[in-house]
């Protein structure tokens, strides 16, 4: 018996019918979602690499004073508004509220 080279049979490669319009919309949405996820992963990897390169760029390890100074530098209008509210409220009210809020903040930091 002589063996003949086997030719590719039609069963070896699956043949799918072309997608309908609704199926194509779903496939397009899936492709867009995959692209968004790839972009998000790339952006996260880039930000992590940048954060590792610049250790003094901020984070949870900084003291409260440094974080407050950074916040004041980034949001000067919010700091000015808080200072205005503090002036209007008066020292007694500020001390009273500090006595309530500071213990809560200290518990959150732990």
Protein backbone atom coordinates (compact mmCIF):
# COMPACT_ATOMS: atom_id res chain seq x y z
CA UNK A 1 0.00 0.00 0.00
CA UNK A 2 1.40 3.30 -1.04
CA UNK A 3 0.80 6.28 1.14
CA UNK A 4 -0.26 9.43 -0.55
CA UNK A 5 0.35 12.79 0.99
CA UNK A 6 -2.74 13.78 2.83
CA UNK A 7 -4.43 16.86 1.54
CA UNK A 8 -5.98 19.27 4.02
CA UNK A 9 -9.49 18.14 4.63
CA UNK A 10 -12.30 20.63 5.00
CA UNK A 11 -12.80 19.42 8.58
CA UNK A 12 -9.33 20.57 9.73
CA UNK A 13 -10.06 24.30 9.44
CA UNK A 14 -13.28 25.61 10.97
CA UNK A 15 -15.26 27.84 8.70
CA UNK A 16 -17.49 30.37 10.41
CA UNK A 17 -20.28 32.19 8.65
CA UNK A 18 -19.87 35.97 8.52
CA UNK A 19 -21.35 37.68 11.59
CA UNK A 20 -24.70 39.38 11.39
CA UNK A 21 -24.97 43.12 11.96
CA UNK A 22 -25.94 42.65 15.62
CA UNK A 23 -23.11 40.19 16.17
CA UNK A 24 -20.66 42.56 14.51
CA UNK A 25 -21.72 45.39 16.85
CA UNK A 26 -21.08 43.12 19.83
CA UNK A 27 -17.68 42.13 18.42
CA UNK A 28 -16.81 45.79 17.88
CA UNK A 29 -17.80 46.64 21.46
CA UNK A 30 -15.65 43.79 22.75
CA UNK A 31 -12.70 45.02 20.69
CA UNK A 32 -13.13 48.58 22.04
CA UNK A 33 -13.33 47.31 25.60
CA UNK A 34 -10.18 45.24 25.14
CA UNK A 35 -8.37 48.29 23.76
CA UNK A 36 -9.50 50.42 26.73
CA UNK A 37 -8.28 47.75 29.15
CA UNK A 38 -4.92 47.55 27.37
CA UNK A 39 -4.57 51.33 27.54
CA UNK A 40 -5.51 51.37 31.23
CA UNK A 41 -2.96 48.65 32.02
CA UNK A 42 -0.28 50.54 30.09
CA UNK A 43 -1.08 53.81 31.88
CA UNK A 44 -1.00 52.08 35.27
CA UNK A 45 2.33 50.43 34.50
CA UNK A 46 3.73 53.77 33.37
CA UNK A 47 2.54 55.58 36.51
CA UNK A 48 3.96 52.83 38.74
CA UNK A 49 7.30 53.05 36.94
CA UNK A 50 7.29 56.83 37.31
CA UNK A 51 6.44 56.59 41.01
CA UNK A 52 9.30 54.16 41.57
CA UNK A 53 11.74 56.44 39.77
CA UNK A 54 10.73 59.53 41.78
CA UNK A 55 10.50 58.56 45.44
CA UNK A 56 9.89 62.14 46.64
CA UNK A 57 6.82 62.65 44.48
CA UNK A 58 4.34 62.10 47.30
CA UNK A 59 2.54 59.21 48.88
CA UNK A 60 1.36 57.73 52.12
CA UNK A 61 4.84 57.68 53.72
CA UNK A 62 5.07 61.47 53.90
CA UNK A 63 4.27 63.34 57.09
CA UNK A 64 0.94 65.05 57.55
CA UNK A 65 2.60 68.48 57.32
CA UNK A 66 4.19 67.66 53.96
CA UNK A 67 0.93 66.33 52.59
CA UNK A 68 -0.92 69.43 53.83
CA UNK A 69 1.67 71.68 52.19
CA UNK A 70 1.32 69.74 48.95
CA UNK A 71 -2.46 70.07 49.10
CA UNK A 72 -2.15 73.82 49.73
CA UNK A 73 0.18 74.16 46.75
CA UNK A 74 -2.17 72.25 44.44
CA UNK A 75 -5.45 73.75 45.70
CA UNK A 76 -4.90 77.35 46.82
CA UNK A 77 -8.55 78.37 46.39
CA UNK A 78 -9.80 75.53 48.60
CA UNK A 79 -7.27 76.50 51.31
CA UNK A 80 -8.35 80.14 51.08
CA UNK A 81 -12.00 79.12 51.39
CA UNK A 82 -11.24 76.98 54.47
CA UNK A 83 -9.30 79.86 56.03
CA UNK A 84 -12.25 82.20 55.38
CA UNK A 85 -14.68 79.77 57.01
CA UNK A 86 -12.32 79.45 59.98
CA UNK A 87 -12.21 83.24 60.42
CA UNK A 88 -15.99 83.54 60.26
CA UNK A 89 -16.54 80.62 62.67
CA UNK A 90 -14.36 82.06 65.40
CA UNK A 91 -11.80 80.49 67.71
CA UNK A 92 -14.22 78.88 70.19
CA UNK A 93 -16.09 77.01 67.51
CA UNK A 94 -12.84 75.93 65.85
CA UNK A 95 -11.48 74.54 69.12
CA UNK A 96 -14.76 72.72 69.76
CA UNK A 97 -14.79 71.17 66.29
CA UNK A 98 -11.10 70.29 66.53
CA UNK A 99 -11.87 68.40 69.74
CA UNK A 100 -14.44 66.35 67.83
CA UNK A 101 -12.61 65.88 64.51
CA UNK A 102 -9.02 65.28 65.64
CA UNK A 103 -9.75 62.01 67.49
CA UNK A 104 -11.62 60.76 64.43
CA UNK A 105 -8.71 61.66 62.15
CA UNK A 106 -6.22 59.97 64.45
CA UNK A 107 -8.28 56.77 64.39
CA UNK A 108 -8.39 56.87 60.57
CA UNK A 109 -4.60 57.17 60.34
CA UNK A 110 -4.04 53.86 62.14
